[in-house]
Amino acid sequence: LIRLAAATRKPLIISTGMASIAEIHAAVETARDA
């Protein structure tokens, strides 16, 4: 889902409730890679 939203090339805001550092890192890297 993050990859699909990031692929629109629009600004992306990610909430980090409940997330570990590893999960945050994965989400951020996925968004940037997309």
PDB file of all heavy atoms in Angstrom:
ATOM      1  N   LEU A   1       0.837  -1.199   0.000  1.00  0.00           N
ATOM      2  CA  LEU A   1       0.000   0.000   0.000  1.00  0.00           C
ATOM      3  C   LEU A   1       0.876   1.255   0.000  1.00  0.00           C
ATOM      4  O   LEU A   1       0.596   2.214  -0.731  1.00  0.00           O
ATOM      5  CB  LEU A   1      -0.919  -0.002   1.215  1.00  0.00           C
ATOM      6  CG  LEU A   1      -1.841   1.214   1.360  1.00  0.00           C
ATOM      7  CD1 LEU A   1      -2.864   1.252   0.233  1.00  0.00           C
ATOM      8  CD2 LEU A   1      -2.543   1.202   2.728  1.00  0.00           C
ATOM      9  N   ILE A   2       1.926   1.241   0.804  1.00  0.00           N
ATOM     10  CA  ILE A   2       2.844   2.384   0.835  1.00  0.00           C
ATOM     11  C   ILE A   2       3.492   2.577  -0.528  1.00  0.00           C
ATOM     12  O   ILE A   2       3.605   3.706  -1.027  1.00  0.00           O
ATOM     13  CB  ILE A   2       3.917   2.173   1.933  1.00  0.00           C
ATOM     14  CG1 ILE A   2       3.264   2.236   3.308  1.00  0.00           C
ATOM     15  CG2 ILE A   2       5.034   3.208   1.802  1.00  0.00           C
ATOM     16  CD1 ILE A   2       4.201   1.879   4.451  1.00  0.00           C
ATOM     17  N   ARG A   3       3.892   1.476  -1.137  1.00  0.00           N
ATOM     18  CA  ARG A   3       4.532   1.558  -2.459  1.00  0.00           C
ATOM     19  C   ARG A   3       3.575   2.166  -3.484  1.00  0.00           C
ATOM     20  O   ARG A   3       3.969   3.017  -4.301  1.00  0.00           O
ATOM     21  CB  ARG A   3       4.975   0.156  -2.899  1.00  0.00           C
ATOM     22  CG  ARG A   3       5.835   0.140  -4.152  1.00  0.00           C
ATOM     23  CD  ARG A   3       6.331  -1.270  -4.451  1.00  0.00           C
ATOM     24  NE  ARG A   3       7.222  -1.761  -3.394  1.00  0.00           N
ATOM     25  CZ  ARG A   3       6.939  -2.740  -2.554  1.00  0.00           C
ATOM     26  NH1 ARG A   3       5.750  -3.360  -2.625  1.00  0.00           N
ATOM     27  NH2 ARG A   3       7.791  -3.121  -1.639  1.00  0.00           N
ATOM     28  N   LEU A   4       2.317   1.783  -3.429  1.00  0.00           N
ATOM     29  CA  LEU A   4       1.334   2.289  -4.391  1.00  0.00           C
ATOM     30  C   LEU A   4       1.078   3.788  -4.161  1.00  0.00           C
ATOM     31  O   LEU A   4       1.000   4.562  -5.123  1.00  0.00           O
ATOM     32  CB  LEU A   4       0.039   1.498  -4.246  1.00  0.00           C
ATOM     33  CG  LEU A   4      -1.014   1.670  -5.343  1.00  0.00           C
ATOM     34  CD1 LEU A   4      -0.464   1.246  -6.704  1.00  0.00           C
ATOM     35  CD2 LEU A   4      -2.256   0.856  -5.004  1.00  0.00           C
ATOM     36  N   ALA A   5       0.956   4.196  -2.913  1.00  0.00           N
ATOM     37  CA  ALA A   5       0.743   5.616  -2.626  1.00  0.00           C
ATOM     38  C   ALA A   5       1.958   6.441  -3.027  1.00  0.00           C
ATOM     39  O   ALA A   5       1.829   7.534  -3.605  1.00  0.00           O
ATOM     40  CB  ALA A   5       0.431   5.804  -1.145  1.00  0.00           C
ATOM     41  N   ALA A   6       3.157   5.928  -2.732  1.00  0.00           N
ATOM     42  CA  ALA A   6       4.376   6.663  -3.075  1.00  0.00           C
ATOM     43  C   ALA A   6       4.569   6.779  -4.577  1.00  0.00           C
ATOM     44  O   ALA A   6       5.127   7.771  -5.065  1.00  0.00           O
ATOM     45  CB  ALA A   6       5.580   5.973  -2.439  1.00  0.00           C
ATOM     46  N   ALA A   7       4.092   5.786  -5.306  1.00  0.00           N
ATOM     47  CA  ALA A   7       4.252   5.797  -6.762  1.00  0.00           C
ATOM     48  C   ALA A   7       3.470   6.915  -7.435  1.00  0.00           C
ATOM     49  O   ALA A   7       3.719   7.246  -8.599  1.00  0.00           O
ATOM     50  CB  ALA A   7       3.838   4.444  -7.339  1.00  0.00           C
ATOM     51  N   THR A   8       2.532   7.533  -6.735  1.00  0.00           N
ATOM     52  CA  THR A   8       1.819   8.689  -7.298  1.00  0.00           C
ATOM     53  C   THR A   8       2.725   9.917  -7.353  1.00  0.00           C
ATOM     54  O   THR A   8       2.370  10.913  -7.969  1.00  0.00           O
ATOM     55  CB  THR A   8       0.584   9.036  -6.454  1.00  0.00           C
ATOM     56  OG1 THR A   8       0.994   9.495  -5.163  1.00  0.00           O
ATOM     57  CG2 THR A   8      -0.351   7.843  -6.317  1.00  0.00           C
ATOM     58  N   ARG A   9       3.876   9.845  -6.683  1.00  0.00           N
ATOM     59  CA  ARG A   9       4.858  10.941  -6.598  1.00  0.00           C
ATOM     60  C   ARG A   9       4.320  12.151  -5.833  1.00  0.00           C
ATOM     61  O   ARG A   9       4.841  13.256  -5.964  1.00  0.00           O
ATOM     62  CB  ARG A   9       5.341  11.368  -7.995  1.00  0.00           C
ATOM     63  CG  ARG A   9       5.912  10.231  -8.839  1.00  0.00           C
ATOM     64  CD  ARG A   9       7.113   9.608  -8.150  1.00  0.00           C
ATOM     65  NE  ARG A   9       7.647   8.475  -8.878  1.00  0.00           N
ATOM     66  CZ  ARG A   9       8.753   8.504  -9.640  1.00  0.00           C
ATOM     67  NH1 ARG A   9       9.423   9.637  -9.766  1.00  0.00           N
ATOM     68  NH2 ARG A   9       9.184   7.417 -10.250  1.00  0.00           N
ATOM     69  N   LYS A  10       3.292  11.930  -5.033  1.00  0.00           N
ATOM     70  CA  LYS A  10       2.752  13.010  -4.207  1.00  0.00           C
ATOM     71  C   LYS A  10       3.345  12.926  -2.794  1.00  0.00           C
ATOM     72  O   LYS A  10       3.825  11.859  -2.391  1.00  0.00           O
ATOM     73  CB  LYS A  10       1.223  12.925  -4.160  1.00  0.00           C
ATOM     74  CG  LYS A  10       0.592  13.201  -5.517  1.00  0.00           C
ATOM     75  CD  LYS A  10      -0.905  13.058  -5.484  1.00  0.00           C
ATOM     76  CE  LYS A  10      -1.509  13.399  -6.865  1.00  0.00           C
ATOM     77  NZ  LYS A  10      -2.974  13.195  -6.896  1.00  0.00           N
ATOM     78  N   PRO A  11       3.321  14.017  -2.049  1.00  0.00           N
ATOM     79  CA  PRO A  11       3.828  13.960  -0.686  1.00  0.00           C
ATOM     80  C   PRO A  11       3.131  12.862   0.112  1.00  0.00           C
ATOM     81  O   PRO A  11       1.925  12.647  -0.026  1.00  0.00           O
ATOM     82  CB  PRO A  11       3.500  15.353  -0.130  1.00  0.00           C
ATOM     83  CG  PRO A  11       3.451  16.234  -1.331  1.00  0.00           C
ATOM     84  CD  PRO A  11       2.876  15.378  -2.417  1.00  0.00           C
ATOM     85  N   LEU A  12       3.919  12.211   0.970  1.00  0.00           N
ATOM     86  CA  LEU A  12       3.403  11.092   1.748  1.00  0.00           C
ATOM     87  C   LEU A  12       3.679  11.359   3.229  1.00  0.00           C
ATOM     88  O   LEU A  12       4.772  11.774   3.607  1.00  0.00           O
ATOM     89  CB  LEU A  12       4.084   9.796   1.310  1.00  0.00           C
ATOM     90  CG  LEU A  12       3.520   8.485   1.846  1.00  0.00           C
ATOM     91  CD1 LEU A  12       2.080   8.285   1.381  1.00  0.00           C
ATOM     92  CD2 LEU A  12       4.387   7.304   1.375  1.00  0.00           C
ATOM     93  N   ILE A  13       2.660  11.133   4.041  1.00  0.00           N
ATOM     94  CA  ILE A  13       2.765  11.292   5.498  1.00  0.00           C
ATOM     95  C   ILE A  13       2.535   9.919   6.107  1.00  0.00           C
ATOM     96  O   ILE A  13       1.530   9.261   5.809  1.00  0.00           O
ATOM     97  CB  ILE A  13       1.710  12.292   6.011  1.00  0.00           C
ATOM     98  CG1 ILE A  13       1.885  13.662   5.342  1.00  0.00           C
ATOM     99  CG2 ILE A  13       1.794  12.423   7.525  1.00  0.00           C
ATOM    100  CD1 ILE A  13       0.684  14.568   5.501  1.00  0.00           C
ATOM    101  N   ILE A  14       3.461   9.482   6.961  1.00  0.00           N
ATOM    102  CA  ILE A  14       3.355   8.153   7.560  1.00  0.00           C
ATOM    103  C   ILE A  14       3.276   8.285   9.073  1.00  0.00           C
ATOM    104  O   ILE A  14       4.162   8.868   9.701  1.00  0.00           O
ATOM    105  CB  ILE A  14       4.553   7.267   7.174  1.00  0.00           C
ATOM    106  CG1 ILE A  14       4.632   7.092   5.653  1.00  0.00           C
ATOM    107  CG2 ILE A  14       4.457   5.906   7.864  1.00  0.00           C
ATOM    108  CD1 ILE A  14       5.847   6.289   5.189  1.00  0.00           C
ATOM    109  N   SER A  15       2.217   7.736   9.677  1.00  0.00           N
ATOM    110  CA  SER A  15       2.101   7.693  11.134  1.00  0.00           C
ATOM    111  C   SER A  15       2.804   6.449  11.657  1.00  0.00           C
ATOM    112  O   SER A  15       2.730   5.380  11.042  1.00  0.00           O
ATOM    113  CB  SER A  15       0.627   7.665  11.554  1.00  0.00           C
ATOM    114  OG  SER A  15       0.199   8.932  11.979  1.00  0.00           O
ATOM    115  N   THR A  16       3.455   6.584  12.813  1.00  0.00           N
ATOM    116  CA  THR A  16       4.306   5.511  13.308  1.00  0.00           C
ATOM    117  C   THR A  16       3.802   4.871  14.604  1.00  0.00           C
ATOM    118  O   THR A  16       4.576   4.227  15.314  1.00  0.00           O
ATOM    119  CB  THR A  16       5.737   6.031  13.534  1.00  0.00           C
ATOM    120  OG1 THR A  16       5.698   7.073  14.529  1.00  0.00           O
ATOM    121  CG2 THR A  16       6.329   6.585  12.248  1.00  0.00           C
ATOM    122  N   GLY A  17       2.515   5.049  14.937  1.00  0.00           N
ATOM    123  CA  GLY A  17       1.989   4.427  16.144  1.00  0.00           C
ATOM    124  C   GLY A  17       2.215   2.924  16.148  1.00  0.00           C
ATOM    125  O   GLY A  17       1.984   2.261  15.131  1.00  0.00           O
ATOM    126  N   MET A  18       2.698   2.381  17.242  1.00  0.00           N
ATOM    127  CA  MET A  18       2.935   0.952  17.469  1.00  0.00           C
ATOM    128  C   MET A  18       4.173   0.422  16.758  1.00  0.00           C
ATOM    129  O   MET A  18       4.577  -0.720  16.980  1.00  0.00           O
ATOM    130  CB  MET A  18       1.728   0.098  17.045  1.00  0.00           C
ATOM    131  CG  MET A  18       0.419   0.472  17.709  1.00  0.00           C
ATOM    132  SD  MET A  18      -0.985  -0.474  17.093  1.00  0.00           S
ATOM    133  CE  MET A  18      -1.177   0.217  15.433  1.00  0.00           C
ATOM    134  N   ALA A  19       4.806   1.223  15.890  1.00  0.00           N
ATOM    135  CA  ALA A  19       5.860   0.704  15.018  1.00  0.00           C
ATOM    136  C   ALA A  19       7.216   0.648  15.717  1.00  0.00           C
ATOM    137  O   ALA A  19       7.572   1.520  16.510  1.00  0.00           O
ATOM    138  CB  ALA A  19       5.965   1.553  13.759  1.00  0.00           C
ATOM    139  N   SER A  20       7.979  -0.376  15.369  1.00  0.00           N
ATOM    140  CA  SER A  20       9.362  -0.488  15.808  1.00  0.00           C
ATOM    141  C   SER A  20      10.245   0.330  14.859  1.00  0.00           C
ATOM    142  O   SER A  20       9.812   0.754  13.774  1.00  0.00           O
ATOM    143  CB  SER A  20       9.804  -1.944  15.776  1.00  0.00           C
ATOM    144  OG  SER A  20       9.833  -2.413  14.425  1.00  0.00           O
ATOM    145  N   ILE A  21      11.499   0.516  15.268  1.00  0.00           N
ATOM    146  CA  ILE A  21      12.445   1.222  14.394  1.00  0.00           C
ATOM    147  C   ILE A  21      12.586   0.483  13.074  1.00  0.00           C
ATOM    148  O   ILE A  21      12.633   1.106  11.998  1.00  0.00           O
ATOM    149  CB  ILE A  21      13.809   1.387  15.092  1.00  0.00           C
ATOM    150  CG1 ILE A  21      13.695   2.417  16.224  1.00  0.00           C
ATOM    151  CG2 ILE A  21      14.890   1.799  14.108  1.00  0.00           C
ATOM    152  CD1 ILE A  21      14.956   2.573  17.034  1.00  0.00           C
ATOM    153  N   ALA A  22      12.640  -0.850  13.114  1.00  0.00           N
ATOM    154  CA  ALA A  22      12.778  -1.630  11.884  1.00  0.00           C
ATOM    155  C   ALA A  22      11.579  -1.428  10.964  1.00  0.00           C
ATOM    156  O   ALA A  22      11.730  -1.301   9.730  1.00  0.00           O
ATOM    157  CB  ALA A  22      12.951  -3.109  12.220  1.00  0.00           C
ATOM    158  N   GLU A  23      10.378  -1.394  11.535  1.00  0.00           N
ATOM    159  CA  GLU A  23       9.171  -1.204  10.713  1.00  0.00           C
ATOM    160  C   GLU A  23       9.131   0.197  10.123  1.00  0.00           C
ATOM    161  O   GLU A  23       8.724   0.385   8.966  1.00  0.00           O
ATOM    162  CB  GLU A  23       7.932  -1.484  11.552  1.00  0.00           C
ATOM    163  CG  GLU A  23       7.764  -2.959  11.890  1.00  0.00           C
ATOM    164  CD  GLU A  23       6.747  -3.213  12.996  1.00  0.00           C
ATOM    165  OE1 GLU A  23       6.439  -2.278  13.769  1.00  0.00           O
ATOM    166  OE2 GLU A  23       6.274  -4.362  13.088  1.00  0.00           O
ATOM    167  N   ILE A  24       9.542   1.194  10.903  1.00  0.00           N
ATOM    168  CA  ILE A  24       9.601   2.566  10.375  1.00  0.00           C
ATOM    169  C   ILE A  24      10.611   2.641   9.236  1.00  0.00           C
ATOM    170  O   ILE A  24      10.340   3.232   8.183  1.00  0.00           O
ATOM    171  CB  ILE A  24       9.951   3.553  11.500  1.00  0.00           C
ATOM    172  CG1 ILE A  24       8.833   3.611  12.538  1.00  0.00           C
ATOM    173  CG2 ILE A  24      10.221   4.940  10.935  1.00  0.00           C
ATOM    174  CD1 ILE A  24       9.204   4.345  13.812  1.00  0.00           C
ATOM    175  N   HIS A  25      11.765   2.045   9.440  1.00  0.00           N
ATOM    176  CA  HIS A  25      12.801   2.053   8.399  1.00  0.00           C
ATOM    177  C   HIS A  25      12.287   1.406   7.121  1.00  0.00           C
ATOM    178  O   HIS A  25      12.476   1.944   6.010  1.00  0.00           O
ATOM    179  CB  HIS A  25      14.048   1.321   8.895  1.00  0.00           C
ATOM    180  CG  HIS A  25      15.119   1.176   7.862  1.00  0.00           C
ATOM    181  ND1 HIS A  25      15.947   2.215   7.487  1.00  0.00           N
ATOM    182  CD2 HIS A  25      15.481   0.115   7.095  1.00  0.00           C
ATOM    183  CE1 HIS A  25      16.783   1.800   6.550  1.00  0.00           C
ATOM    184  NE2 HIS A  25      16.523   0.526   6.301  1.00  0.00           N
ATOM    185  N   ALA A  26      11.630   0.267   7.256  1.00  0.00           N
ATOM    186  CA  ALA A  26      11.115  -0.431   6.069  1.00  0.00           C
ATOM    187  C   ALA A  26      10.089   0.412   5.330  1.00  0.00           C
ATOM    188  O   ALA A  26      10.095   0.481   4.085  1.00  0.00           O
ATOM    189  CB  ALA A  26      10.501  -1.768   6.484  1.00  0.00           C
ATOM    190  N   ALA A  27       9.202   1.072   6.068  1.00  0.00           N
ATOM    191  CA  ALA A  27       8.176   1.907   5.436  1.00  0.00           C
ATOM    192  C   ALA A  27       8.809   3.094   4.714  1.00  0.00           C
ATOM    193  O   ALA A  27       8.431   3.422   3.575  1.00  0.00           O
ATOM    194  CB  ALA A  27       7.183   2.395   6.487  1.00  0.00           C
ATOM    195  N   VAL A  28       9.769   3.740   5.367  1.00  0.00           N
ATOM    196  CA  VAL A  28      10.420   4.914   4.765  1.00  0.00           C
ATOM    197  C   VAL A  28      11.205   4.512   3.516  1.00  0.00           C
ATOM    198  O   VAL A  28      11.132   5.185   2.480  1.00  0.00           O
ATOM    199  CB  VAL A  28      11.329   5.591   5.808  1.00  0.00           C
ATOM    200  CG1 VAL A  28      12.267   6.601   5.153  1.00  0.00           C
ATOM    201  CG2 VAL A  28      10.484   6.275   6.878  1.00  0.00           C
ATOM    202  N   GLU A  29      11.944   3.419   3.619  1.00  0.00           N
ATOM    203  CA  GLU A  29      12.716   2.974   2.459  1.00  0.00           C
ATOM    204  C   GLU A  29      11.799   2.564   1.313  1.00  0.00           C
ATOM    205  O   GLU A  29      12.089   2.837   0.138  1.00  0.00           O
ATOM    206  CB  GLU A  29      13.629   1.807   2.862  1.00  0.00           C
ATOM    207  CG  GLU A  29      14.778   2.213   3.757  1.00  0.00           C
ATOM    208  CD  GLU A  29      15.661   3.271   3.107  1.00  0.00           C
ATOM    209  OE1 GLU A  29      16.246   2.983   2.050  1.00  0.00           O
ATOM    210  OE2 GLU A  29      15.755   4.393   3.655  1.00  0.00           O
ATOM    211  N   THR A  30      10.695   1.888   1.624  1.00  0.00           N
ATOM    212  CA  THR A  30       9.735   1.502   0.586  1.00  0.00           C
ATOM    213  C   THR A  30       9.178   2.729  -0.114  1.00  0.00           C
ATOM    214  O   THR A  30       9.089   2.773  -1.352  1.00  0.00           O
ATOM    215  CB  THR A  30       8.583   0.688   1.203  1.00  0.00           C
ATOM    216  OG1 THR A  30       9.109  -0.533   1.746  1.00  0.00           O
ATOM    217  CG2 THR A  30       7.512   0.369   0.166  1.00  0.00           C
ATOM    218  N   ALA A  31       8.806   3.738   0.666  1.00  0.00           N
ATOM    219  CA  ALA A  31       8.252   4.961   0.085  1.00  0.00           C
ATOM    220  C   ALA A  31       9.264   5.636  -0.828  1.00  0.00           C
ATOM    221  O   ALA A  31       8.933   6.041  -1.962  1.00  0.00           O
ATOM    222  CB  ALA A  31       7.821   5.909   1.201  1.00  0.00           C
ATOM    223  N   ARG A  32      10.489   5.758  -0.370  1.00  0.00           N
ATOM    224  CA  ARG A  32      11.508   6.455  -1.174  1.00  0.00           C
ATOM    225  C   ARG A  32      11.872   5.658  -2.423  1.00  0.00           C
ATOM    226  O   ARG A  32      12.037   6.219  -3.507  1.00  0.00           O
ATOM    227  CB  ARG A  32      12.732   6.742  -0.311  1.00  0.00           C
ATOM    228  CG  ARG A  32      12.445   7.844   0.730  1.00  0.00           C
ATOM    229  CD  ARG A  32      13.701   8.287   1.436  1.00  0.00           C
ATOM    230  NE  ARG A  32      13.429   9.513   2.205  1.00  0.00           N
ATOM    231  CZ  ARG A  32      13.769   9.694   3.465  1.00  0.00           C
ATOM    232  NH1 ARG A  32      14.402   8.726   4.124  1.00  0.00           N
ATOM    233  NH2 ARG A  32      13.500  10.834   4.087  1.00  0.00           N
ATOM    234  N   ASP A  33      11.971   4.352  -2.272  1.00  0.00           N
ATOM    235  CA  ASP A  33      12.299   3.516  -3.430  1.00  0.00           C
ATOM    236  C   ASP A  33      11.214   3.576  -4.496  1.00  0.00           C
ATOM    237  O   ASP A  33      11.490   3.404  -5.691  1.00  0.00           O
ATOM    238  CB  ASP A  33      12.508   2.059  -2.993  1.00  0.00           C
ATOM    239  CG  ASP A  33      13.793   1.866  -2.209  1.00  0.00           C
ATOM    240  OD1 ASP A  33      14.641   2.787  -2.207  1.00  0.00           O
ATOM    241  OD2 ASP A  33      13.945   0.798  -1.572  1.00  0.00           O
ATOM    242  N   ALA A  34       9.961   3.810  -4.060  1.00  0.00           N
ATOM    243  CA  ALA A  34       8.835   3.851  -5.002  1.00  0.00           C
ATOM    244  C   ALA A  34       8.642   5.235  -5.619  1.00  0.00           C
ATOM    245  O   ALA A  34       7.738   5.430  -6.431  1.00  0.00           O
ATOM    246  CB  ALA A  34       7.555   3.419  -4.307  1.00  0.00           C
TER     247      ALA A  34
END
